[in-house]
All heavy atoms as atom14 arrays in JSON, in Angstrom:
{
  "sequence": "RLMTLGDIPASAMEGYGEELLSRNLPRPQDDILLEQLAERGLGSEAY",
  "atom14_mask": [
    [1, 1, 1, 1, 1, 1, 1, 1, 1, 1, 1, 0, 0, 0],
    [1, 1, 1, 1, 1, 1, 1, 1, 0, 0, 0, 0, 0, 0],
    [1, 1, 1, 1, 1, 1, 1, 1, 0, 0, 0, 0, 0, 0],
    [1, 1, 1, 1, 1, 1, 1, 0, 0, 0, 0, 0, 0, 0],
    [1, 1, 1, 1, 1, 1, 1, 1, 0, 0, 0, 0, 0, 0],
    [1, 1, 1, 1, 0, 0, 0, 0, 0, 0, 0, 0, 0, 0],
    [1, 1, 1, 1, 1, 1, 1, 1, 0, 0, 0, 0, 0, 0],
    [1, 1, 1, 1, 1, 1, 1, 1, 0, 0, 0, 0, 0, 0],
    [1, 1, 1, 1, 1, 1, 1, 0, 0, 0, 0, 0, 0, 0],
    [1, 1, 1, 1, 1, 0, 0, 0, 0, 0, 0, 0, 0, 0],
    [1, 1, 1, 1, 1, 1, 0, 0, 0, 0, 0, 0, 0, 0],
    [1, 1, 1, 1, 1, 0, 0, 0, 0, 0, 0, 0, 0, 0],
    [1, 1, 1, 1, 1, 1, 1, 1, 0, 0, 0, 0, 0, 0],
    [1, 1, 1, 1, 1, 1, 1, 1, 1, 0, 0, 0, 0, 0],
    [1, 1, 1, 1, 0, 0, 0, 0, 0, 0, 0, 0, 0, 0],
    [1, 1, 1, 1, 1, 1, 1, 1, 1, 1, 1, 1, 0, 0],
    [1, 1, 1, 1, 0, 0, 0, 0, 0, 0, 0, 0, 0, 0],
    [1, 1, 1, 1, 1, 1, 1, 1, 1, 0, 0, 0, 0, 0],
    [1, 1, 1, 1, 1, 1, 1, 1, 1, 0, 0, 0, 0, 0],
    [1, 1, 1, 1, 1, 1, 1, 1, 0, 0, 0, 0, 0, 0],
    [1, 1, 1, 1, 1, 1, 1, 1, 0, 0, 0, 0, 0, 0],
    [1, 1, 1, 1, 1, 1, 0, 0, 0, 0, 0, 0, 0, 0],
    [1, 1, 1, 1, 1, 1, 1, 1, 1, 1, 1, 0, 0, 0],
    [1, 1, 1, 1, 1, 1, 1, 1, 0, 0, 0, 0, 0, 0],
    [1, 1, 1, 1, 1, 1, 1, 1, 0, 0, 0, 0, 0, 0],
    [1, 1, 1, 1, 1, 1, 1, 0, 0, 0, 0, 0, 0, 0],
    [1, 1, 1, 1, 1, 1, 1, 1, 1, 1, 1, 0, 0, 0],
    [1, 1, 1, 1, 1, 1, 1, 0, 0, 0, 0, 0, 0, 0],
    [1, 1, 1, 1, 1, 1, 1, 1, 1, 0, 0, 0, 0, 0],
    [1, 1, 1, 1, 1, 1, 1, 1, 0, 0, 0, 0, 0, 0],
    [1, 1, 1, 1, 1, 1, 1, 1, 0, 0, 0, 0, 0, 0],
    [1, 1, 1, 1, 1, 1, 1, 1, 0, 0, 0, 0, 0, 0],
    [1, 1, 1, 1, 1, 1, 1, 1, 0, 0, 0, 0, 0, 0],
    [1, 1, 1, 1, 1, 1, 1, 1, 0, 0, 0, 0, 0, 0],
    [1, 1, 1, 1, 1, 1, 1, 1, 1, 0, 0, 0, 0, 0],
    [1, 1, 1, 1, 1, 1, 1, 1, 1, 0, 0, 0, 0, 0],
    [1, 1, 1, 1, 1, 1, 1, 1, 0, 0, 0, 0, 0, 0],
    [1, 1, 1, 1, 1, 0, 0, 0, 0, 0, 0, 0, 0, 0],
    [1, 1, 1, 1, 1, 1, 1, 1, 1, 0, 0, 0, 0, 0],
    [1, 1, 1, 1, 1, 1, 1, 1, 1, 1, 1, 0, 0, 0],
    [1, 1, 1, 1, 0, 0, 0, 0, 0, 0, 0, 0, 0, 0],
    [1, 1, 1, 1, 1, 1, 1, 1, 0, 0, 0, 0, 0, 0],
    [1, 1, 1, 1, 0, 0, 0, 0, 0, 0, 0, 0, 0, 0],
    [1, 1, 1, 1, 1, 1, 0, 0, 0, 0, 0, 0, 0, 0],
    [1, 1, 1, 1, 1, 1, 1, 1, 1, 0, 0, 0, 0, 0],
    [1, 1, 1, 1, 1, 0, 0, 0, 0, 0, 0, 0, 0, 0],
    [1, 1, 1, 1, 1, 1, 1, 1, 1, 1, 1, 1, 0, 0]
  ],
  "atom14_positions": [
    [[118.27, 183.1, 190.89], [118.26, 182.21, 192.05], [118.82, 180.84, 191.69], [119.58, 180.24, 192.46], [116.82, 182.08, 192.62], [116.72, 181.04, 193.73], [115.4, 181.06, 194.4], [115.23, 179.86, 195.27], [114.24, 179.75, 196.11], [113.34, 180.67, 196.27], [114.14, 178.66, 196.83], [0.0, 0.0, 0.0], [0.0, 0.0, 0.0], [0.0, 0.0, 0.0]],
    [[118.45, 180.37, 190.51], [118.96, 179.04, 190.09], [120.48, 179.07, 189.94], [121.18, 178.13, 190.32], [118.35, 178.68, 188.74], [118.83, 177.38, 188.1], [118.27, 176.18, 188.89], [118.34, 177.27, 186.64], [0.0, 0.0, 0.0], [0.0, 0.0, 0.0], [0.0, 0.0, 0.0], [0.0, 0.0, 0.0], [0.0, 0.0, 0.0], [0.0, 0.0, 0.0]],
    [[121.01, 180.2, 189.42], [122.47, 180.29, 189.21], [123.21, 180.48, 190.49], [124.39, 180.11, 190.61], [122.77, 181.45, 188.22], [122.2, 181.22, 186.8], [122.46, 182.65, 185.71], [124.24, 182.58, 185.47], [0.0, 0.0, 0.0], [0.0, 0.0, 0.0], [0.0, 0.0, 0.0], [0.0, 0.0, 0.0], [0.0, 0.0, 0.0], [0.0, 0.0, 0.0]],
    [[122.6, 181.12, 191.48], [123.29, 181.46, 192.71], [123.07, 180.43, 193.83], [123.99, 180.06, 194.55], [122.9, 182.87, 193.25], [121.44, 182.93, 193.37], [123.37, 183.94, 192.28], [0.0, 0.0, 0.0], [0.0, 0.0, 0.0], [0.0, 0.0, 0.0], [0.0, 0.0, 0.0], [0.0, 0.0, 0.0], [0.0, 0.0, 0.0], [0.0, 0.0, 0.0]],
    [[121.81, 179.98, 193.96], [121.44, 179.04, 195.02], [121.31, 177.64, 194.55], [121.22, 176.67, 195.33], [120.14, 179.48, 195.7], [120.17, 180.95, 196.33], [118.86, 181.24, 196.98], [121.32, 180.99, 197.4], [0.0, 0.0, 0.0], [0.0, 0.0, 0.0], [0.0, 0.0, 0.0], [0.0, 0.0, 0.0], [0.0, 0.0, 0.0], [0.0, 0.0, 0.0]],
    [[121.2, 177.44, 193.22], [121.18, 176.08, 192.68], [119.78, 175.42, 192.63], [119.65, 174.29, 192.21], [0.0, 0.0, 0.0], [0.0, 0.0, 0.0], [0.0, 0.0, 0.0], [0.0, 0.0, 0.0], [0.0, 0.0, 0.0], [0.0, 0.0, 0.0], [0.0, 0.0, 0.0], [0.0, 0.0, 0.0], [0.0, 0.0, 0.0], [0.0, 0.0, 0.0]],
    [[118.69, 176.23, 192.97], [117.39, 175.69, 192.83], [116.45, 176.72, 192.27], [116.8, 177.9, 192.18], [116.81, 175.13, 194.15], [116.65, 176.26, 195.15], [117.03, 177.42, 194.88], [116.1, 176.0, 196.26], [0.0, 0.0, 0.0], [0.0, 0.0, 0.0], [0.0, 0.0, 0.0], [0.0, 0.0, 0.0], [0.0, 0.0, 0.0], [0.0, 0.0, 0.0]],
    [[115.27, 176.29, 191.83], [114.33, 177.19, 191.21], [113.05, 177.2, 191.98], [112.65, 176.11, 192.46], [114.09, 176.81, 189.69], [113.41, 177.92, 188.95], [113.27, 175.5, 189.64], [113.5, 177.76, 187.45], [0.0, 0.0, 0.0], [0.0, 0.0, 0.0], [0.0, 0.0, 0.0], [0.0, 0.0, 0.0], [0.0, 0.0, 0.0], [0.0, 0.0, 0.0]],
    [[112.42, 178.34, 192.26], [111.23, 178.39, 193.05], [110.09, 177.49, 192.44], [109.99, 177.41, 191.25], [110.8, 179.85, 193.07], [112.08, 180.6, 192.63], [112.83, 179.69, 191.81], [0.0, 0.0, 0.0], [0.0, 0.0, 0.0], [0.0, 0.0, 0.0], [0.0, 0.0, 0.0], [0.0, 0.0, 0.0], [0.0, 0.0, 0.0], [0.0, 0.0, 0.0]],
    [[109.34, 176.85, 193.3], [108.3, 175.93, 192.88], [107.24, 176.72, 192.01], [106.68, 176.17, 191.11], [107.65, 175.28, 194.03], [0.0, 0.0, 0.0], [0.0, 0.0, 0.0], [0.0, 0.0, 0.0], [0.0, 0.0, 0.0], [0.0, 0.0, 0.0], [0.0, 0.0, 0.0], [0.0, 0.0, 0.0], [0.0, 0.0, 0.0], [0.0, 0.0, 0.0]],
    [[107.08, 177.96, 192.33], [106.05, 178.75, 191.63], [106.5, 179.27, 190.29], [105.73, 179.84, 189.53], [105.62, 179.94, 192.47], [106.76, 180.81, 192.79], [0.0, 0.0, 0.0], [0.0, 0.0, 0.0], [0.0, 0.0, 0.0], [0.0, 0.0, 0.0], [0.0, 0.0, 0.0], [0.0, 0.0, 0.0], [0.0, 0.0, 0.0], [0.0, 0.0, 0.0]],
    [[107.81, 179.14, 190.0], [108.39, 179.73, 188.78], [107.76, 179.19, 187.49], [107.65, 179.88, 186.49], [109.87, 179.51, 188.72], [0.0, 0.0, 0.0], [0.0, 0.0, 0.0], [0.0, 0.0, 0.0], [0.0, 0.0, 0.0], [0.0, 0.0, 0.0], [0.0, 0.0, 0.0], [0.0, 0.0, 0.0], [0.0, 0.0, 0.0], [0.0, 0.0, 0.0]],
    [[107.27, 177.89, 187.51], [106.76, 177.3, 186.34], [105.21, 177.32, 186.31], [104.62, 176.66, 185.45], [107.23, 175.87, 186.2], [108.72, 175.76, 185.92], [109.23, 176.68, 184.47], [110.99, 176.75, 184.7], [0.0, 0.0, 0.0], [0.0, 0.0, 0.0], [0.0, 0.0, 0.0], [0.0, 0.0, 0.0], [0.0, 0.0, 0.0], [0.0, 0.0, 0.0]],
    [[104.62, 178.03, 187.23], [103.21, 178.06, 187.29], [102.62, 178.62, 185.99], [102.97, 179.65, 185.56], [102.74, 178.92, 188.47], [101.24, 178.88, 188.72], [100.86, 179.6, 189.99], [101.73, 179.76, 190.88], [99.64, 179.98, 190.07], [0.0, 0.0, 0.0], [0.0, 0.0, 0.0], [0.0, 0.0, 0.0], [0.0, 0.0, 0.0], [0.0, 0.0, 0.0]],
    [[101.67, 177.87, 185.45], [101.01, 178.23, 184.18], [101.79, 177.78, 182.93], [101.21, 177.8, 181.8], [0.0, 0.0, 0.0], [0.0, 0.0, 0.0], [0.0, 0.0, 0.0], [0.0, 0.0, 0.0], [0.0, 0.0, 0.0], [0.0, 0.0, 0.0], [0.0, 0.0, 0.0], [0.0, 0.0, 0.0], [0.0, 0.0, 0.0], [0.0, 0.0, 0.0]],
    [[103.07, 177.34, 183.08], [103.81, 176.97, 181.92], [103.32, 175.62, 181.35], [103.36, 175.42, 180.14], [105.3, 176.9, 182.25], [106.18, 176.63, 181.07], [106.13, 177.48, 179.96], [107.07, 175.55, 180.98], [106.96, 177.29, 178.84], [107.89, 175.34, 179.88], [107.79, 176.2, 178.83], [108.58, 176.01, 177.7], [0.0, 0.0, 0.0], [0.0, 0.0, 0.0]],
    [[102.91, 174.72, 182.26], [102.4, 173.42, 181.77], [101.22, 173.59, 180.91], [101.08, 172.98, 179.79], [0.0, 0.0, 0.0], [0.0, 0.0, 0.0], [0.0, 0.0, 0.0], [0.0, 0.0, 0.0], [0.0, 0.0, 0.0], [0.0, 0.0, 0.0], [0.0, 0.0, 0.0], [0.0, 0.0, 0.0], [0.0, 0.0, 0.0], [0.0, 0.0, 0.0]],
    [[100.28, 174.41, 181.33], [99.08, 174.67, 180.55], [99.39, 175.36, 179.25], [98.81, 175.04, 178.2], [98.12, 175.61, 181.37], [96.79, 175.8, 180.69], [95.82, 176.6, 181.56], [96.11, 176.82, 182.74], [94.76, 177.01, 181.03], [0.0, 0.0, 0.0], [0.0, 0.0, 0.0], [0.0, 0.0, 0.0], [0.0, 0.0, 0.0], [0.0, 0.0, 0.0]],
    [[100.43, 176.22, 179.24], [100.87, 176.85, 178.0], [101.39, 175.81, 177.02], [101.12, 175.84, 175.83], [101.93, 177.89, 178.31], [102.47, 178.6, 177.08], [103.6, 179.56, 177.43], [103.61, 180.07, 178.6], [104.49, 179.78, 176.58], [0.0, 0.0, 0.0], [0.0, 0.0, 0.0], [0.0, 0.0, 0.0], [0.0, 0.0, 0.0], [0.0, 0.0, 0.0]],
    [[102.21, 174.87, 177.51], [102.72, 173.81, 176.66], [101.64, 172.94, 176.06], [101.65, 172.59, 174.87], [103.7, 172.93, 177.44], [105.05, 173.47, 177.75], [105.88, 172.45, 178.6], [105.86, 173.85, 176.48], [0.0, 0.0, 0.0], [0.0, 0.0, 0.0], [0.0, 0.0, 0.0], [0.0, 0.0, 0.0], [0.0, 0.0, 0.0], [0.0, 0.0, 0.0]],
    [[100.63, 172.64, 176.87], [99.56, 171.78, 176.43], [98.68, 172.47, 175.33], [98.01, 171.79, 174.54], [98.65, 171.35, 177.59], [99.3, 170.46, 178.6], [98.38, 170.17, 179.82], [99.78, 169.16, 178.0], [0.0, 0.0, 0.0], [0.0, 0.0, 0.0], [0.0, 0.0, 0.0], [0.0, 0.0, 0.0], [0.0, 0.0, 0.0], [0.0, 0.0, 0.0]],
    [[98.7, 173.79, 175.34], [97.95, 174.57, 174.36], [98.61, 174.68, 173.01], [98.05, 175.1, 172.03], [97.58, 175.95, 174.91], [98.74, 176.75, 175.01], [0.0, 0.0, 0.0], [0.0, 0.0, 0.0], [0.0, 0.0, 0.0], [0.0, 0.0, 0.0], [0.0, 0.0, 0.0], [0.0, 0.0, 0.0], [0.0, 0.0, 0.0], [0.0, 0.0, 0.0]],
    [[99.94, 174.37, 172.98], [100.7, 174.51, 171.72], [100.52, 173.23, 170.89], [100.28, 172.16, 171.39], [102.18, 174.71, 172.02], [102.55, 175.97, 172.81], [104.03, 175.94, 173.06], [104.48, 177.02, 173.96], [105.7, 177.18, 174.37], [106.61, 176.27, 174.03], [106.01, 178.16, 175.17], [0.0, 0.0, 0.0], [0.0, 0.0, 0.0], [0.0, 0.0, 0.0]],
    [[100.77, 173.4, 169.6], [100.89, 172.25, 168.72], [102.27, 171.61, 168.99], [103.29, 172.28, 169.05], [100.84, 172.65, 167.24], [99.39, 173.13, 166.88], [98.41, 172.62, 167.41], [99.3, 174.11, 165.99], [0.0, 0.0, 0.0], [0.0, 0.0, 0.0], [0.0, 0.0, 0.0], [0.0, 0.0, 0.0], [0.0, 0.0, 0.0], [0.0, 0.0, 0.0]],
    [[102.29, 170.29, 169.13], [103.56, 169.64, 169.39], [104.47, 169.78, 168.19], [104.03, 169.57, 167.05], [103.33, 168.16, 169.72], [102.55, 167.86, 170.97], [102.32, 166.41, 171.14], [103.32, 168.41, 172.18], [0.0, 0.0, 0.0], [0.0, 0.0, 0.0], [0.0, 0.0, 0.0], [0.0, 0.0, 0.0], [0.0, 0.0, 0.0], [0.0, 0.0, 0.0]],
    [[105.72, 170.08, 168.41], [106.67, 170.18, 167.29], [106.88, 168.81, 166.66], [106.86, 167.79, 167.33], [107.96, 170.73, 167.92], [107.88, 170.29, 169.36], [106.4, 170.33, 169.71], [0.0, 0.0, 0.0], [0.0, 0.0, 0.0], [0.0, 0.0, 0.0], [0.0, 0.0, 0.0], [0.0, 0.0, 0.0], [0.0, 0.0, 0.0], [0.0, 0.0, 0.0]],
    [[107.09, 168.78, 165.34], [107.37, 167.57, 164.61], [108.68, 167.67, 163.83], [108.98, 168.73, 163.29], [106.27, 167.3, 163.59], [104.97, 166.73, 164.15], [103.95, 166.5, 163.05], [104.52, 165.72, 161.93], [103.92, 165.6, 160.72], [102.78, 166.26, 160.52], [104.51, 164.87, 159.81], [0.0, 0.0, 0.0], [0.0, 0.0, 0.0], [0.0, 0.0, 0.0]],
    [[109.45, 166.58, 163.81], [110.64, 166.61, 163.05], [110.36, 166.43, 161.54], [109.22, 166.11, 161.18], [111.43, 165.41, 163.55], [110.35, 164.45, 163.98], [109.22, 165.29, 164.48], [0.0, 0.0, 0.0], [0.0, 0.0, 0.0], [0.0, 0.0, 0.0], [0.0, 0.0, 0.0], [0.0, 0.0, 0.0], [0.0, 0.0, 0.0], [0.0, 0.0, 0.0]],
    [[111.31, 166.64, 160.68], [111.12, 166.36, 159.27], [110.91, 164.91, 159.05], [111.48, 164.01, 159.74], [112.37, 166.78, 158.51], [112.56, 168.29, 158.52], [113.81, 168.72, 157.7], [114.4, 167.9, 157.01], [114.17, 169.97, 157.81], [0.0, 0.0, 0.0], [0.0, 0.0, 0.0], [0.0, 0.0, 0.0], [0.0, 0.0, 0.0], [0.0, 0.0, 0.0]],
    [[110.03, 164.59, 158.09], [109.58, 163.13, 157.86], [110.8, 162.28, 157.55], [110.89, 161.13, 158.11], [108.59, 163.11, 156.75], [107.25, 163.71, 157.11], [107.02, 163.94, 158.33], [106.39, 163.87, 156.21], [0.0, 0.0, 0.0], [0.0, 0.0, 0.0], [0.0, 0.0, 0.0], [0.0, 0.0, 0.0], [0.0, 0.0, 0.0], [0.0, 0.0, 0.0]],
    [[111.72, 162.78, 156.71], [112.8, 161.83, 156.34], [113.73, 161.53, 157.5], [114.26, 160.43, 157.63], [113.63, 162.46, 155.18], [114.14, 163.85, 155.5], [113.66, 164.47, 156.46], [115.07, 164.33, 154.81], [0.0, 0.0, 0.0], [0.0, 0.0, 0.0], [0.0, 0.0, 0.0], [0.0, 0.0, 0.0], [0.0, 0.0, 0.0], [0.0, 0.0, 0.0]],
    [[113.94, 162.55, 158.39], [114.74, 162.27, 159.57], [114.09, 161.3, 160.52], [114.72, 160.41, 161.06], [115.06, 163.64, 160.29], [115.94, 164.56, 159.38], [115.81, 163.36, 161.59], [116.17, 165.91, 160.0], [0.0, 0.0, 0.0], [0.0, 0.0, 0.0], [0.0, 0.0, 0.0], [0.0, 0.0, 0.0], [0.0, 0.0, 0.0], [0.0, 0.0, 0.0]],
    [[112.75, 161.52, 160.7], [112.04, 160.63, 161.6], [112.04, 159.17, 161.03], [112.26, 158.2, 161.8], [110.59, 161.11, 161.78], [109.7, 160.23, 162.62], [110.25, 160.04, 164.04], [108.27, 160.8, 162.7], [0.0, 0.0, 0.0], [0.0, 0.0, 0.0], [0.0, 0.0, 0.0], [0.0, 0.0, 0.0], [0.0, 0.0, 0.0], [0.0, 0.0, 0.0]],
    [[111.79, 159.03, 159.73], [111.78, 157.71, 159.11], [113.17, 157.01, 159.3], [113.22, 155.79, 159.57], [111.46, 157.83, 157.67], [109.97, 158.18, 157.35], [109.81, 158.57, 155.88], [109.06, 157.0, 157.69], [0.0, 0.0, 0.0], [0.0, 0.0, 0.0], [0.0, 0.0, 0.0], [0.0, 0.0, 0.0], [0.0, 0.0, 0.0], [0.0, 0.0, 0.0]],
    [[114.19, 157.77, 159.17], [115.55, 157.16, 159.33], [115.76, 156.66, 160.74], [116.27, 155.55, 160.95], [116.6, 158.22, 158.97], [118.04, 157.74, 159.12], [119.06, 158.83, 158.85], [118.66, 159.94, 158.3], [120.19, 158.66, 159.23], [0.0, 0.0, 0.0], [0.0, 0.0, 0.0], [0.0, 0.0, 0.0], [0.0, 0.0, 0.0], [0.0, 0.0, 0.0]],
    [[115.36, 157.51, 161.73], [115.6, 157.13, 163.16], [114.66, 155.95, 163.52], [115.07, 155.11, 164.33], [115.34, 158.33, 164.03], [116.38, 159.4, 163.92], [117.76, 158.88, 164.27], [117.93, 158.23, 165.27], [118.73, 159.13, 163.4], [0.0, 0.0, 0.0], [0.0, 0.0, 0.0], [0.0, 0.0, 0.0], [0.0, 0.0, 0.0], [0.0, 0.0, 0.0]],
    [[113.41, 155.94, 163.03], [112.6, 154.8, 163.3], [113.11, 153.52, 162.74], [113.07, 152.41, 163.38], [111.16, 155.07, 162.75], [110.35, 156.18, 163.5], [109.03, 156.44, 162.79], [110.08, 155.85, 164.95], [0.0, 0.0, 0.0], [0.0, 0.0, 0.0], [0.0, 0.0, 0.0], [0.0, 0.0, 0.0], [0.0, 0.0, 0.0], [0.0, 0.0, 0.0]],
    [[113.66, 153.6, 161.52], [114.22, 152.42, 160.88], [115.38, 151.87, 161.67], [115.58, 150.66, 161.85], [114.6, 152.75, 159.42], [0.0, 0.0, 0.0], [0.0, 0.0, 0.0], [0.0, 0.0, 0.0], [0.0, 0.0, 0.0], [0.0, 0.0, 0.0], [0.0, 0.0, 0.0], [0.0, 0.0, 0.0], [0.0, 0.0, 0.0], [0.0, 0.0, 0.0]],
    [[116.22, 152.8, 162.17], [117.38, 152.34, 162.97], [116.93, 151.6, 164.24], [117.62, 150.73, 164.74], [118.21, 153.55, 163.41], [119.08, 154.1, 162.26], [120.0, 155.21, 162.81], [120.15, 155.37, 164.06], [120.63, 155.85, 161.96], [0.0, 0.0, 0.0], [0.0, 0.0, 0.0], [0.0, 0.0, 0.0], [0.0, 0.0, 0.0], [0.0, 0.0, 0.0]],
    [[115.75, 151.94, 164.75], [115.28, 151.3, 165.99], [114.37, 150.13, 165.69], [113.77, 149.51, 166.59], [114.53, 152.3, 166.82], [115.4, 153.39, 167.42], [114.6, 154.57, 167.99], [115.4, 155.49, 168.77], [116.15, 156.46, 168.22], [116.17, 156.6, 166.92], [116.82, 157.28, 168.97], [0.0, 0.0, 0.0], [0.0, 0.0, 0.0], [0.0, 0.0, 0.0]],
    [[114.22, 149.81, 164.35], [113.35, 148.69, 163.99], [111.88, 148.99, 164.22], [111.11, 148.09, 164.48], [0.0, 0.0, 0.0], [0.0, 0.0, 0.0], [0.0, 0.0, 0.0], [0.0, 0.0, 0.0], [0.0, 0.0, 0.0], [0.0, 0.0, 0.0], [0.0, 0.0, 0.0], [0.0, 0.0, 0.0], [0.0, 0.0, 0.0], [0.0, 0.0, 0.0]],
    [[111.46, 150.26, 164.08], [110.07, 150.62, 164.33], [109.42, 151.05, 163.01], [110.07, 151.55, 162.09], [110.04, 151.78, 165.32], [110.56, 151.51, 166.74], [110.63, 152.79, 167.55], [109.72, 150.43, 167.43], [0.0, 0.0, 0.0], [0.0, 0.0, 0.0], [0.0, 0.0, 0.0], [0.0, 0.0, 0.0], [0.0, 0.0, 0.0], [0.0, 0.0, 0.0]],
    [[108.11, 150.88, 162.98], [107.35, 151.4, 161.82], [106.86, 152.8, 162.06], [106.95, 153.36, 163.23], [0.0, 0.0, 0.0], [0.0, 0.0, 0.0], [0.0, 0.0, 0.0], [0.0, 0.0, 0.0], [0.0, 0.0, 0.0], [0.0, 0.0, 0.0], [0.0, 0.0, 0.0], [0.0, 0.0, 0.0], [0.0, 0.0, 0.0], [0.0, 0.0, 0.0]],
    [[106.32, 153.42, 161.04], [105.87, 154.82, 161.13], [104.36, 154.99, 160.92], [103.81, 156.01, 161.28], [106.61, 155.73, 160.15], [106.35, 155.24, 158.82], [0.0, 0.0, 0.0], [0.0, 0.0, 0.0], [0.0, 0.0, 0.0], [0.0, 0.0, 0.0], [0.0, 0.0, 0.0], [0.0, 0.0, 0.0], [0.0, 0.0, 0.0], [0.0, 0.0, 0.0]],
    [[103.68, 153.94, 160.44], [102.26, 154.13, 160.11], [101.42, 154.35, 161.33], [100.53, 155.19, 161.36], [101.75, 152.94, 159.32], [100.3, 153.15, 158.88], [99.82, 152.15, 157.88], [100.62, 151.24, 157.45], [98.65, 152.24, 157.45], [0.0, 0.0, 0.0], [0.0, 0.0, 0.0], [0.0, 0.0, 0.0], [0.0, 0.0, 0.0], [0.0, 0.0, 0.0]],
    [[101.7, 153.56, 162.41], [100.86, 153.71, 163.6], [101.0, 155.15, 164.14], [100.03, 155.69, 164.61], [101.3, 152.66, 164.65], [0.0, 0.0, 0.0], [0.0, 0.0, 0.0], [0.0, 0.0, 0.0], [0.0, 0.0, 0.0], [0.0, 0.0, 0.0], [0.0, 0.0, 0.0], [0.0, 0.0, 0.0], [0.0, 0.0, 0.0], [0.0, 0.0, 0.0]],
    [[102.24, 155.64, 164.16], [102.44, 157.05, 164.56], [101.69, 158.0, 163.66], [100.98, 158.96, 164.13], [103.95, 157.36, 164.56], [104.33, 158.8, 164.59], [104.29, 159.55, 165.75], [104.71, 159.48, 163.41], [104.6, 160.9, 165.78], [105.06, 160.83, 163.43], [105.0, 161.53, 164.61], [105.38, 162.85, 164.61], [0.0, 0.0, 0.0], [0.0, 0.0, 0.0]]
  ]
}
């Protein structure tokens, strides 16, 4: 329906939000995160 009509039914994502909340959040590799935080002038300890 999305490909043909351009929209997705409101009920299509029912239950998916709860599923996401039950998962462990993905984390990037520490060295990559540290590099990106440094570029933005941010620290990492609070995170």
